[in-house]
Protein backbone atom coordinates (compact mmCIF):
# COMPACT_ATOMS: atom_id res chain seq x y z
CA MET A 1 -42.16 -53.65 38.53
CA ILE A 2 -41.31 -52.82 34.93
CA ARG A 3 -38.52 -50.48 33.86
CA ILE A 4 -39.09 -48.26 30.83
CA ASN A 5 -36.05 -46.52 29.34
CA GLU A 6 -35.91 -43.56 26.98
CA LEU A 7 -39.26 -41.90 27.43
CA LYS A 8 -38.67 -38.76 25.37
CA SER A 9 -40.32 -35.35 25.33
CA ASP A 10 -39.61 -31.88 23.99
CA HIS A 11 -40.35 -30.46 27.47
CA GLU A 12 -40.12 -31.47 31.12
CA LEU A 13 -42.90 -33.88 32.02
CA ASN A 14 -45.10 -33.64 35.10
CA THR A 15 -46.37 -36.73 36.90
CA ASP A 16 -49.60 -37.07 34.89
CA GLU A 17 -47.70 -36.75 31.62
CA LEU A 18 -45.20 -39.39 32.72
CA TYR A 19 -48.04 -41.80 33.56
CA LYS A 20 -49.51 -41.26 30.09
CA LYS A 21 -46.14 -41.71 28.38
CA ALA A 22 -45.39 -44.88 30.32
CA ALA A 23 -48.86 -46.31 29.68
CA LYS A 24 -48.53 -45.61 25.96
CA ALA A 25 -45.15 -47.40 25.89
CA LEU A 26 -46.77 -50.43 27.57
CA LYS A 27 -49.90 -50.18 25.37
CA VAL A 28 -52.22 -49.96 28.38
CA ARG A 29 -54.49 -47.35 29.91
CA PRO A 30 -52.83 -44.89 32.39
CA GLY A 31 -55.23 -46.19 35.05
CA ALA A 32 -53.63 -49.63 34.76
CA LEU A 33 -50.48 -48.28 36.42
CA SER A 34 -50.64 -48.38 40.20
CA GLY A 35 -47.36 -46.56 40.79
CA LEU A 36 -44.48 -44.82 39.03
CA LYS A 37 -40.95 -43.96 40.14
CA ILE A 38 -38.50 -41.80 38.18
CA LEU A 39 -35.17 -43.61 38.02
CA LYS A 40 -33.16 -41.18 35.88
CA ARG A 41 -33.75 -38.01 33.91
CA SER A 42 -31.43 -36.28 31.49
CA VAL A 43 -31.29 -33.82 28.61
CA ASP A 44 -30.15 -34.72 25.10
CA ALA A 45 -28.94 -31.48 23.52
CA ARG A 46 -27.05 -32.93 20.56
CA ASN A 47 -29.62 -31.47 18.17
CA LYS A 48 -29.96 -27.82 19.21
CA ASN A 49 -33.22 -27.52 17.24
CA ALA A 50 -34.82 -30.50 18.95
CA ILE A 51 -33.62 -30.76 22.55
CA LEU A 52 -35.11 -33.77 24.30
CA HIS A 53 -35.88 -34.53 27.94
CA ILE A 54 -35.33 -38.25 28.54
CA TYR A 55 -36.71 -40.32 31.43
CA SER A 56 -36.23 -43.81 32.77
CA VAL A 57 -39.07 -44.91 35.04
CA ALA A 58 -40.21 -47.95 36.97
CA VAL A 59 -43.94 -48.67 37.08
CA CYS A 60 -46.19 -51.02 39.02
CA ILE A 61 -48.72 -52.97 36.96
CA ASP A 62 -50.49 -56.32 37.10
CA LYS A 63 -49.52 -59.17 34.79
CA GLU A 64 -45.97 -57.91 34.30
CA ASP A 65 -44.68 -61.08 32.66
CA SER A 66 -47.39 -61.25 30.03
CA ILE A 67 -46.94 -57.57 29.17
CA LEU A 68 -43.18 -57.99 28.80
CA LYS A 69 -43.62 -61.08 26.65
CA LYS A 70 -46.11 -59.35 24.38
CA LEU A 71 -43.96 -56.21 23.93
CA ASN A 72 -40.56 -57.93 23.52
CA ASN A 73 -38.81 -54.53 23.69
CA ASN A 74 -35.25 -54.20 25.04
CA LYS A 75 -36.11 -50.73 26.37
CA ILE A 76 -38.85 -52.26 28.55
CA THR A 77 -37.57 -54.79 31.07
CA LYS A 78 -38.26 -56.41 34.41
CA TYR A 79 -37.18 -54.18 37.30
CA THR A 80 -36.22 -55.46 40.71
CA GLU A 81 -34.65 -52.95 43.07
CA LYS A 82 -31.77 -54.37 45.08
CA ILE A 83 -31.59 -52.58 48.41
CA TYR A 84 -28.25 -52.16 50.17
CA SER A 85 -28.40 -51.38 53.87
CA LEU A 86 -26.10 -50.96 56.81
CA PRO A 87 -25.70 -53.86 59.26
CA GLU A 88 -27.85 -54.09 62.33
CA VAL A 89 -26.38 -52.56 65.47
CA GLY A 90 -24.54 -55.22 67.42
CA ALA A 91 -24.32 -57.61 64.49
CA TYR A 92 -20.63 -58.12 65.22
CA LYS A 93 -18.63 -58.93 68.32
CA ASP A 94 -18.20 -56.06 70.76
CA ASN A 95 -15.20 -57.49 72.61
CA ILE A 96 -12.62 -56.54 70.01
CA LEU A 97 -10.34 -53.55 69.57
CA PRO A 98 -12.12 -50.67 67.83
CA PRO A 99 -11.12 -50.51 64.16
CA VAL A 100 -9.18 -47.41 63.15
CA ILE A 101 -9.95 -45.43 60.00
CA VAL A 102 -7.33 -43.06 58.61
CA GLY A 103 -8.90 -40.19 56.68
CA PHE A 104 -12.38 -38.68 56.83
CA GLY A 105 -13.03 -38.20 53.13
CA PRO A 106 -15.81 -40.13 51.36
CA ALA A 107 -14.11 -43.53 51.72
CA GLY A 108 -13.36 -43.02 55.40
CA MET A 109 -16.78 -41.52 56.16
CA PHE A 110 -18.78 -44.36 54.66
CA ALA A 111 -16.47 -47.00 56.11
CA ALA A 112 -16.94 -45.39 59.54
CA LEU A 113 -20.69 -45.20 59.06
CA TYR A 114 -20.85 -48.92 58.26
CA LEU A 115 -18.64 -49.92 61.20
CA ALA A 116 -20.48 -47.63 63.62
CA TYR A 117 -23.83 -49.16 62.69
CA ALA A 118 -22.25 -52.57 63.14
CA GLY A 119 -21.54 -51.63 66.76
CA LEU A 120 -17.76 -51.69 66.35
CA LYS A 121 -17.13 -48.16 67.69
CA PRO A 122 -14.62 -47.10 65.00
CA ILE A 123 -11.99 -44.46 65.71
CA VAL A 124 -11.51 -42.07 62.81
CA ILE A 125 -8.15 -40.29 62.48
CA GLU A 126 -8.22 -37.07 60.45
CA ARG A 127 -5.19 -34.80 60.12
CA GLY A 128 -7.30 -31.75 59.30
CA GLU A 129 -9.97 -29.91 61.23
CA ASP A 130 -13.75 -30.15 61.44
CA ALA A 131 -15.67 -28.64 58.51
CA ASP A 132 -16.34 -25.27 60.15
CA SER A 133 -12.80 -24.70 61.39
CA ARG A 134 -11.38 -25.99 58.14
CA THR A 135 -13.56 -23.61 56.12
CA GLU A 136 -12.17 -20.66 58.08
CA LYS A 137 -8.60 -21.86 57.47
CA VAL A 138 -9.28 -22.19 53.74
CA ARG A 139 -10.86 -18.74 53.53
CA GLU A 140 -7.89 -17.26 55.36
CA PHE A 141 -5.53 -19.00 52.93
CA TRP A 142 -7.40 -17.55 49.97
CA ARG A 143 -7.35 -14.09 51.60
CA SER A 144 -3.77 -13.99 52.81
CA GLY A 145 -1.86 -16.92 51.34
CA LYS A 146 -1.18 -18.31 54.82
CA LEU A 147 -1.25 -22.10 54.46
CA ASP A 148 -2.05 -24.64 57.17
CA LYS A 149 -0.39 -27.82 55.86
CA ASN A 150 -2.80 -30.11 57.71
CA SER A 151 -6.09 -28.22 57.32
CA ASN A 152 -6.69 -26.89 53.82
CA VAL A 153 -8.51 -27.61 50.56
CA GLN A 154 -7.03 -31.13 50.50
CA PHE A 155 -7.21 -32.13 54.18
CA GLY A 156 -9.96 -31.98 56.76
CA GLU A 157 -13.49 -33.18 57.37
CA GLY A 158 -15.03 -34.39 54.12
CA GLY A 159 -11.75 -34.72 52.23
CA ALA A 160 -10.75 -32.84 49.08
CA GLY A 161 -14.27 -33.21 47.66
CA THR A 162 -15.66 -30.81 50.27
CA PHE A 163 -14.13 -27.92 48.31
CA SER A 164 -15.22 -29.05 44.87
CA ASP A 165 -18.38 -29.20 42.82
CA GLY A 166 -19.72 -32.15 44.80
CA LYS A 167 -20.32 -34.20 41.65
CA LEU A 168 -21.90 -37.59 42.31
CA GLN A 169 -21.43 -39.27 38.96
CA THR A 170 -19.57 -42.55 38.75
CA GLY A 171 -18.78 -45.19 36.18
CA VAL A 172 -18.89 -47.87 38.88
CA HIS A 173 -21.66 -50.42 38.28
CA ASP A 174 -22.16 -52.00 41.66
CA LYS A 175 -24.21 -55.20 41.76
CA GLU A 176 -25.05 -54.67 45.42
CA ASN A 177 -26.48 -51.20 44.64
CA ARG A 178 -24.12 -49.37 46.98
CA ASN A 179 -24.42 -46.46 44.52
CA GLU A 180 -28.07 -45.95 45.37
CA PHE A 181 -27.34 -46.31 49.07
CA VAL A 182 -24.68 -43.58 48.95
CA LEU A 183 -27.02 -41.21 47.11
CA LYS A 184 -29.88 -41.90 49.52
CA SER A 185 -27.50 -41.34 52.41
CA PHE A 186 -26.55 -37.93 51.07
CA VAL A 187 -30.26 -37.08 50.85
CA LYS A 188 -30.79 -38.34 54.40
CA TYR A 189 -28.02 -36.03 55.64
CA GLY A 190 -29.16 -32.93 53.76
CA ALA A 191 -28.77 -33.19 49.97
CA PRO A 192 -31.69 -32.39 47.62
CA GLU A 193 -33.75 -35.38 46.48
CA SER A 194 -33.06 -34.48 42.86
CA ILE A 195 -29.67 -36.23 43.10
CA LEU A 196 -31.53 -39.55 43.13
CA THR A 197 -32.79 -39.06 39.58
CA ASP A 198 -30.51 -36.54 37.86
CA SER A 199 -28.21 -38.12 35.28
CA LYS A 200 -25.43 -35.76 36.45
CA PRO A 201 -26.14 -35.26 40.16
CA HIS A 202 -24.20 -32.73 42.17
CA ILE A 203 -24.47 -31.17 45.62
CA GLY A 204 -22.22 -28.12 45.68
CA SER A 205 -19.49 -27.23 48.14
CA ASP A 206 -21.77 -25.18 50.40
CA ILE A 207 -24.29 -27.97 51.03
CA LEU A 208 -21.64 -30.70 51.13
CA ARG A 209 -19.98 -29.05 54.14
CA GLU A 210 -23.21 -29.39 56.12
CA ILE A 211 -23.77 -32.97 54.98
CA VAL A 212 -20.39 -34.21 56.19
CA LYS A 213 -21.05 -32.74 59.63
CA ASN A 214 -24.36 -34.61 59.80
CA ILE A 215 -22.67 -37.86 58.78
CA ARG A 216 -20.07 -37.36 61.48
CA GLN A 217 -22.76 -36.79 64.10
CA ASP A 218 -24.52 -40.02 63.12
CA ILE A 219 -21.25 -41.93 63.42
CA VAL A 220 -20.70 -40.47 66.90
CA ASP A 221 -24.31 -41.18 67.90
CA HIS A 222 -23.71 -44.83 67.03
CA GLY A 223 -20.59 -45.13 69.17
CA GLY A 224 -17.87 -43.98 66.78
CA GLU A 225 -15.23 -41.35 67.46
CA VAL A 226 -13.67 -38.77 65.13
CA ARG A 227 -10.31 -37.30 66.14
CA PHE A 228 -9.35 -34.16 64.22
CA ASN A 229 -5.82 -32.68 64.11
CA THR A 230 -4.47 -36.20 64.32
CA VAL A 231 -1.93 -37.54 61.81
CA PHE A 232 -1.27 -41.22 61.16
CA THR A 233 2.53 -41.32 61.28
CA GLY A 234 3.32 -45.02 61.51
CA PHE A 235 2.37 -48.47 62.72
CA GLU A 236 3.84 -51.53 64.39
CA THR A 237 3.37 -55.24 63.82
CA ASP A 238 3.72 -58.18 66.17
CA ARG A 239 6.18 -61.05 65.78
CA ASP A 240 3.86 -62.68 63.24
CA GLY A 241 3.80 -59.57 61.06
CA LEU A 242 0.24 -58.65 62.02
CA LEU A 243 -0.79 -55.05 62.70
CA CYS A 244 -0.87 -54.33 66.43
CA THR A 245 -0.34 -50.56 66.88
CA ALA A 246 -1.17 -47.33 65.06
CA ILE A 247 1.20 -44.43 65.78
CA LEU A 248 -0.42 -40.99 65.83
CA ASN A 249 1.23 -37.56 65.74
CA GLY A 250 4.64 -39.21 66.00
CA THR A 251 4.41 -40.40 69.61
CA GLU A 252 0.92 -41.59 70.56
CA ARG A 253 0.49 -45.36 70.37
CA LEU A 254 -3.00 -46.76 69.83
CA ALA A 255 -3.63 -50.50 70.09
CA CYS A 256 -5.12 -51.53 66.77
CA ASN A 257 -5.33 -54.72 64.72
CA LYS A 258 -7.74 -53.56 61.99
CA LEU A 259 -7.11 -50.29 60.12
CA ILE A 260 -8.79 -48.87 57.02
CA LEU A 261 -6.27 -46.64 55.28
CA ALA A 262 -8.12 -43.93 53.30
CA PRO A 263 -5.64 -41.03 53.31
CA GLY A 264 -6.63 -39.12 50.15
CA HIS A 265 -4.51 -38.52 47.04
CA SER A 266 -2.47 -35.68 48.59
CA ALA A 267 -1.17 -37.43 51.73
CA ARG A 268 2.39 -37.41 50.49
CA ASP A 269 4.04 -37.82 53.88
CA THR A 270 1.85 -40.89 54.43
CA PHE A 271 3.01 -42.38 51.13
CA GLU A 272 6.63 -41.72 52.16
CA MET A 273 6.04 -43.42 55.51
CA LEU A 274 4.45 -46.43 53.80
CA LYS A 275 7.37 -46.71 51.40
CA ASP A 276 9.84 -46.68 54.31
CA ALA A 277 7.71 -49.31 56.05
CA LYS A 278 7.96 -51.45 52.89
CA ILE A 279 4.22 -51.75 52.35
CA LYS A 280 3.78 -52.92 48.78
CA MET A 281 2.82 -50.08 46.44
CA GLU A 282 3.17 -49.31 42.76
CA PRO A 283 3.27 -46.08 40.74
CA LYS A 284 0.15 -45.45 38.69
CA SER A 285 -0.97 -43.28 35.81
CA PHE A 286 -2.73 -39.97 36.37
CA ALA A 287 -3.13 -36.75 34.36
CA VAL A 288 -1.81 -33.20 34.49
CA GLY A 289 -2.62 -29.97 32.70
CA VAL A 290 -4.52 -26.73 33.05
CA ARG A 291 -7.93 -25.47 34.06
CA VAL A 292 -9.87 -23.39 31.52
CA GLN A 293 -12.55 -20.77 32.14
CA HIS A 294 -15.24 -19.75 29.66
CA ILE A 295 -18.26 -17.50 30.12
CA GLN A 296 -21.02 -19.85 31.29
CA LYS A 297 -23.62 -18.19 29.04
CA ASP A 298 -21.42 -18.93 26.03
CA ILE A 299 -21.22 -22.60 27.02
CA ASN A 300 -25.02 -22.69 27.54
CA ARG A 301 -25.57 -21.21 24.08
CA ALA A 302 -23.14 -23.63 22.47
CA MET A 303 -24.65 -26.67 24.19
CA TYR A 304 -28.37 -25.82 24.20
CA GLY A 305 -28.78 -23.43 21.27
CA GLU A 306 -29.90 -19.80 21.11
CA ASN A 307 -33.54 -20.23 22.10
CA SER A 308 -33.41 -22.93 24.74
CA ASP A 309 -35.58 -22.60 27.85
CA ILE A 310 -33.34 -24.92 29.88
CA ASN A 311 -32.28 -23.15 33.08
CA THR A 312 -29.64 -25.64 34.22
CA PRO A 313 -26.08 -24.41 33.51
CA ALA A 314 -24.65 -26.58 30.75
CA SER A 315 -21.79 -28.99 31.34
CA TYR A 316 -19.64 -30.91 28.90
CA LYS A 317 -17.28 -33.87 28.61
CA LEU A 318 -14.58 -33.86 25.96
CA THR A 319 -11.85 -36.26 24.84
CA PHE A 320 -9.07 -36.07 22.29
CA HIS A 321 -6.40 -38.54 21.14
CA ALA A 322 -3.19 -36.57 20.60
CA PRO A 323 -0.80 -37.41 17.76
CA ASP A 324 1.73 -38.74 20.29
CA GLY A 325 -0.81 -41.30 21.52
CA ARG A 326 -1.78 -39.58 24.76
CA SER A 327 -5.33 -38.96 25.88
CA VAL A 328 -6.40 -35.37 26.53
CA TYR A 329 -9.73 -34.86 28.25
CA SER A 330 -11.88 -32.54 30.30
CA PHE A 331 -12.06 -33.41 33.97
CA CYS A 332 -14.09 -32.19 36.94
CA MET A 333 -16.16 -29.69 34.92
CA CYS A 334 -17.71 -27.04 37.17
CA PRO A 335 -20.62 -25.07 35.66
CA GLY A 336 -20.97 -21.62 37.20
CA GLY A 337 -17.93 -22.25 39.37
CA TYR A 338 -14.55 -20.98 40.48
CA VAL A 339 -10.93 -21.99 40.05
CA VAL A 340 -9.42 -22.43 43.50
CA ASN A 341 -5.91 -22.53 44.93
CA SER A 342 -5.87 -26.03 46.44
CA SER A 343 -2.25 -26.21 47.58
CA SER A 344 -1.24 -28.30 50.57
CA GLU A 345 2.54 -27.84 50.65
CA GLU A 346 4.65 -24.71 51.10
CA HIS A 347 6.13 -23.14 47.95
CA GLU A 348 4.09 -25.41 45.70
CA LEU A 349 0.86 -24.55 43.92
CA CYS A 350 -1.93 -26.69 42.49
CA ILE A 351 -5.48 -25.78 41.50
CA ASN A 352 -8.92 -27.34 41.37
CA GLY A 353 -12.48 -26.39 40.44
CA MET A 354 -15.30 -25.62 42.86
CA SER A 355 -18.92 -24.54 42.60
CA TYR A 356 -21.75 -23.89 45.00
CA SER A 357 -25.11 -25.64 44.88
CA LYS A 358 -26.74 -22.96 42.68
CA ARG A 359 -23.88 -23.00 40.18
CA ASP A 360 -24.58 -19.33 39.54
CA GLY A 361 -21.04 -18.03 38.99
CA ALA A 362 -20.28 -16.17 35.76
CA ASN A 363 -17.83 -18.74 34.39
CA ALA A 364 -17.71 -22.40 33.52
CA ASN A 365 -14.41 -24.09 34.31
CA SER A 366 -12.91 -27.48 33.69
CA ALA A 367 -9.55 -29.16 33.85
CA ILE A 368 -8.04 -30.01 30.47
CA VAL A 369 -5.51 -32.68 31.30
CA VAL A 370 -3.12 -35.06 29.55
CA SER A 371 -2.58 -38.62 30.70
CA VAL A 372 0.87 -39.55 31.98
CA THR A 373 2.15 -43.02 32.84
CA PRO A 374 5.04 -44.32 34.95
CA ASP A 375 7.10 -44.53 31.76
CA ASP A 376 6.86 -40.72 31.52
CA PHE A 377 8.06 -39.81 34.98
CA GLU A 378 10.27 -42.73 35.99
CA LYS A 379 12.84 -41.56 33.40
CA ASP A 380 13.58 -38.36 35.33
CA TYR A 381 12.36 -39.27 38.81
CA GLY A 382 13.22 -42.97 38.96
CA LYS A 383 15.49 -42.47 41.97
CA TYR A 384 12.32 -41.95 44.03
CA GLY A 385 11.12 -45.44 43.16
CA VAL A 386 7.42 -45.99 43.68
CA LEU A 387 7.00 -42.29 44.48
CA SER A 388 8.37 -41.08 41.14
CA GLY A 389 4.93 -39.82 40.04
CA MET A 390 4.51 -37.90 43.29
CA GLU A 391 7.84 -36.14 42.73
CA PHE A 392 6.82 -35.31 39.17
CA GLN A 393 3.69 -33.66 40.58
CA ARG A 394 5.80 -31.73 43.07
CA GLU A 395 8.11 -30.43 40.35
CA LEU A 396 5.16 -29.08 38.35
CA GLU A 397 3.68 -27.48 41.46
CA LYS A 398 7.00 -25.81 42.29
CA ASN A 399 7.10 -24.46 38.74
CA ALA A 400 3.56 -23.11 39.13
CA PHE A 401 4.40 -21.44 42.46
CA ASP A 402 7.56 -19.84 41.08
CA GLU A 403 5.90 -18.55 37.92
CA CYS A 404 3.85 -15.89 39.75
CA GLY A 405 5.34 -15.84 43.24
CA GLY A 406 2.69 -18.07 44.77
CA LYS A 407 -0.29 -16.61 42.89
CA ILE A 408 -2.25 -18.72 40.42
CA PRO A 409 -0.71 -18.21 36.96
CA CYS A 410 -3.28 -17.08 34.32
CA GLN A 411 -2.94 -16.92 30.57
CA CYS A 412 -5.31 -16.39 27.66
CA LEU A 413 -5.48 -19.31 25.26
CA LEU A 414 -3.99 -17.35 22.35
CA ASP A 415 -1.01 -16.31 24.46
CA PHE A 416 -0.55 -19.91 25.61
CA LYS A 417 -0.42 -20.98 21.98
CA GLU A 418 2.01 -18.18 21.14
CA ASN A 419 4.18 -18.92 24.21
CA ARG A 420 3.97 -15.42 25.68
CA GLN A 421 2.78 -13.96 28.96
CA THR A 422 -0.69 -12.45 28.99
CA THR A 423 -0.84 -8.75 29.84
CA GLU A 424 -4.61 -8.12 29.96
CA TYR A 425 -7.83 -10.10 30.15
CA GLY A 426 -10.08 -10.40 27.13
CA SER A 427 -13.78 -11.19 27.19
CA VAL A 428 -13.37 -13.87 29.90
CA LYS A 429 -12.81 -12.31 33.33
CA PRO A 430 -11.26 -14.45 36.09
CA GLU A 431 -13.35 -16.19 38.75
CA PHE A 432 -10.88 -17.39 41.39
CA LYS A 433 -10.64 -18.29 45.04
CA GLY A 434 -7.16 -17.12 45.93
CA PHE A 435 -4.83 -14.64 44.26
CA CYS A 436 -4.01 -14.83 40.54
CA ASP A 437 -1.60 -13.05 38.22
CA PHE A 438 -0.48 -13.15 34.61
CA GLY A 439 2.12 -15.76 33.76
CA ASN A 440 3.27 -18.11 31.02
CA ILE A 441 2.01 -21.63 31.64
CA ARG A 442 4.40 -22.97 29.01
CA ASN A 443 7.12 -22.41 31.65
CA ILE A 444 5.30 -24.79 34.01
CA LEU A 445 4.38 -27.81 31.90
CA PRO A 446 6.62 -30.10 29.85
CA GLU A 447 6.51 -28.96 26.23
CA ASN A 448 4.94 -32.18 24.95
CA ILE A 449 2.06 -31.75 27.41
CA SER A 450 1.55 -28.14 26.28
CA ARG A 451 1.51 -29.19 22.62
CA ASP A 452 -1.09 -31.87 23.31
CA ILE A 453 -3.30 -29.33 25.09
CA ILE A 454 -3.01 -26.90 22.16
CA ASP A 455 -4.00 -29.63 19.70
CA ALA A 456 -6.91 -30.63 21.94
CA PHE A 457 -8.34 -27.11 22.03
CA GLU A 458 -8.42 -27.05 18.23
CA SER A 459 -10.40 -30.31 18.28
CA PHE A 460 -12.68 -29.23 21.13
CA GLY A 461 -13.51 -25.99 19.29
CA LYS A 462 -15.02 -28.09 16.52
CA LYS A 463 -17.20 -29.93 19.03
CA ILE A 464 -18.30 -26.95 21.13
CA SER A 465 -18.53 -23.64 19.31
CA GLY A 466 -16.28 -21.06 20.96
CA PHE A 467 -14.38 -23.51 23.13
CA ASP A 468 -11.16 -22.41 21.42
CA ASN A 469 -11.97 -18.73 21.98
CA PRO A 470 -8.59 -16.90 22.08
CA ASP A 471 -9.79 -15.17 25.29
CA ALA A 472 -10.52 -18.43 27.12
CA LEU A 473 -8.58 -18.18 30.36
CA LEU A 474 -6.13 -20.91 31.36
CA SER A 475 -4.59 -21.41 34.80
CA ALA A 476 -2.15 -23.93 36.22
CA VAL A 477 -1.29 -26.37 37.42
CA GLU A 478 -3.93 -29.10 37.57
CA SER A 479 -1.80 -31.92 38.93
CA ARG A 480 -3.85 -33.97 41.39
CA THR A 481 -6.42 -35.64 39.21
CA SER A 482 -5.84 -38.89 41.08
CA SER A 483 -3.34 -40.60 43.33
CA PRO A 484 0.17 -41.13 41.91
CA VAL A 485 0.41 -44.50 43.71
CA ARG A 486 -1.65 -47.59 44.37
CA ILE A 487 -1.33 -49.35 47.72
CA LEU A 488 -1.62 -52.98 46.70
CA ARG A 489 -4.33 -55.15 48.25
CA ASN A 490 -5.49 -58.72 47.74
CA GLU A 491 -8.93 -60.21 47.10
CA PHE A 492 -9.71 -59.75 50.79
CA PHE A 493 -8.92 -55.99 50.53
CA LEU A 494 -5.82 -56.46 52.70
CA SER A 495 -2.47 -54.82 52.05
CA SER A 496 0.86 -56.61 52.37
CA VAL A 497 0.58 -55.90 56.11
CA PRO A 498 -2.28 -58.03 57.45
CA GLY A 499 -4.76 -55.80 59.27
CA ILE A 500 -4.40 -52.78 56.96
CA PHE A 501 -7.15 -52.26 54.37
CA PRO A 502 -6.23 -49.62 51.72
CA ALA A 503 -9.32 -47.72 50.55
CA GLY A 504 -10.51 -44.93 48.33
CA GLU A 505 -8.87 -42.47 45.99
CA GLY A 506 -5.60 -41.99 47.84
CA ALA A 507 -5.01 -45.73 47.92
CA GLY A 508 -5.56 -45.84 44.16
CA TYR A 509 -8.98 -47.52 44.04
CA ALA A 510 -11.39 -44.67 43.30
CA GLY A 511 -11.75 -41.50 41.27
CA GLY A 512 -14.31 -39.24 42.89
CA ILE A 513 -16.78 -38.91 45.74
CA MET A 514 -19.09 -41.77 44.73
CA SER A 515 -16.49 -44.37 43.83
CA ALA A 516 -14.52 -43.55 46.98
CA ALA A 517 -17.60 -43.90 49.18
CA ILE A 518 -18.44 -47.23 47.55
CA ASP A 519 -14.89 -48.47 48.05
CA GLY A 520 -15.01 -47.43 51.70
CA LEU A 521 -18.13 -49.55 52.18
CA LYS A 522 -16.47 -52.52 50.51
CA CYS A 523 -13.45 -52.26 52.80
CA ALA A 524 -15.67 -51.99 55.88
CA GLU A 525 -17.52 -55.11 54.79
CA ALA A 526 -14.20 -56.92 54.26
CA LEU A 527 -13.02 -55.86 57.70
CA CYS A 528 -16.19 -57.22 59.27
CA ARG A 529 -15.78 -60.53 57.49
CA CYS A 530 -12.43 -60.88 59.26
CA ILE A 531 -14.04 -60.77 62.70
CA THR A 532 -17.22 -62.80 62.30
């Protein structure tokens, strides 16, 4: 096959038009193409007066080599699809202890899927509840403020991503094409096929909840087991230092010599247990800040222009280098979404963004966060050692909780700049899941972080018209952009305790649904290599 990049048009192309465009690029008749597959499609809206639809396609045609040689065009190349697949059932020994997987987020799910298909009958340990029960707990929390510390926006079937936008973008370039496998798996379990070709694929929280249930059922159908309401509270090693037991809910002992540890970035008690057990970890950088809401129609107009016929809610990605050397950037942008209370500990408050599959909410929201490094938080929280970043997060979340008595603090951008509490909403009305109230976010964040955010908004307003609207609505605190620790592992994916394989976002090796799922697959493969 031949890959053709950057086929451009001023409108969406149907199949016949794509064949004609591809044939023209190859300087052949459309009839010479025996097949065509869309690989990616995107919109280039940089010039509002000439918005372009851009396609990458793969086509089947005879005499590929001679055509490529004649064209000598770096946008037209040989295309060979590398197919990643799960192992055959029974490919590995069946007389071993079932591997244990801690956490049923993307890393844990895809690791379990791999091991189940391999015939290894994995046992998945998840502290939260199944998706349906968890959804009810989350809704009750948003209605009443009653928090279940083990089943909430952060914990439960599907992980934290289940109550998010369900974005499936990743910067991971995987030579084995695990990326494509993960996307195709989501389609198999209920996602729309458009995620296979969209340049910015997303599922939406509503559809994602159904998908994770279907993945779980497939794992069970292939011999796996998923135990909800079960917390990984410790482990034991034998006299040679090898893993031999997983301890669950404080007292239950489960014989285990292979364990994939995919706890998620909010499993703070797990990190504390690992520190006490002297598993090697290190503090890592992350980012903290606010979440901003704009009217989605205003963002559409700014991104697409006044007269655009594009129906997809516009998204954006922004970066700024602050005078003090820090990076400020947009993160987890949710078109047509909601800001949600995503707390998991009592008397502490953190927020996130969420949208449904239609992305039809009135507001766009995104985190605007500032990078922080161990040098920033070890100064004040160094007594906590490797967990200094986690304690820094906790302090910000306590500040956020105290600012409005447990409600999400809200503040218009102008008031944030002027360091005063907002008293009434302007043109941007709040779209929240959970209670909100007026507060002063400057009381929550360190002053240098607030100043960097203020400077960033001035820069972003020059890039996207109206982004620095004085009525833009800020809320806080966005503190869990990624894990505050990394559980160290070697080239075999093993931690300092042989038998434990750290995986995914919580372990410090991923930054979203896709990269976590890919890392889970890699750890499952590594585990299998240990038993063949």
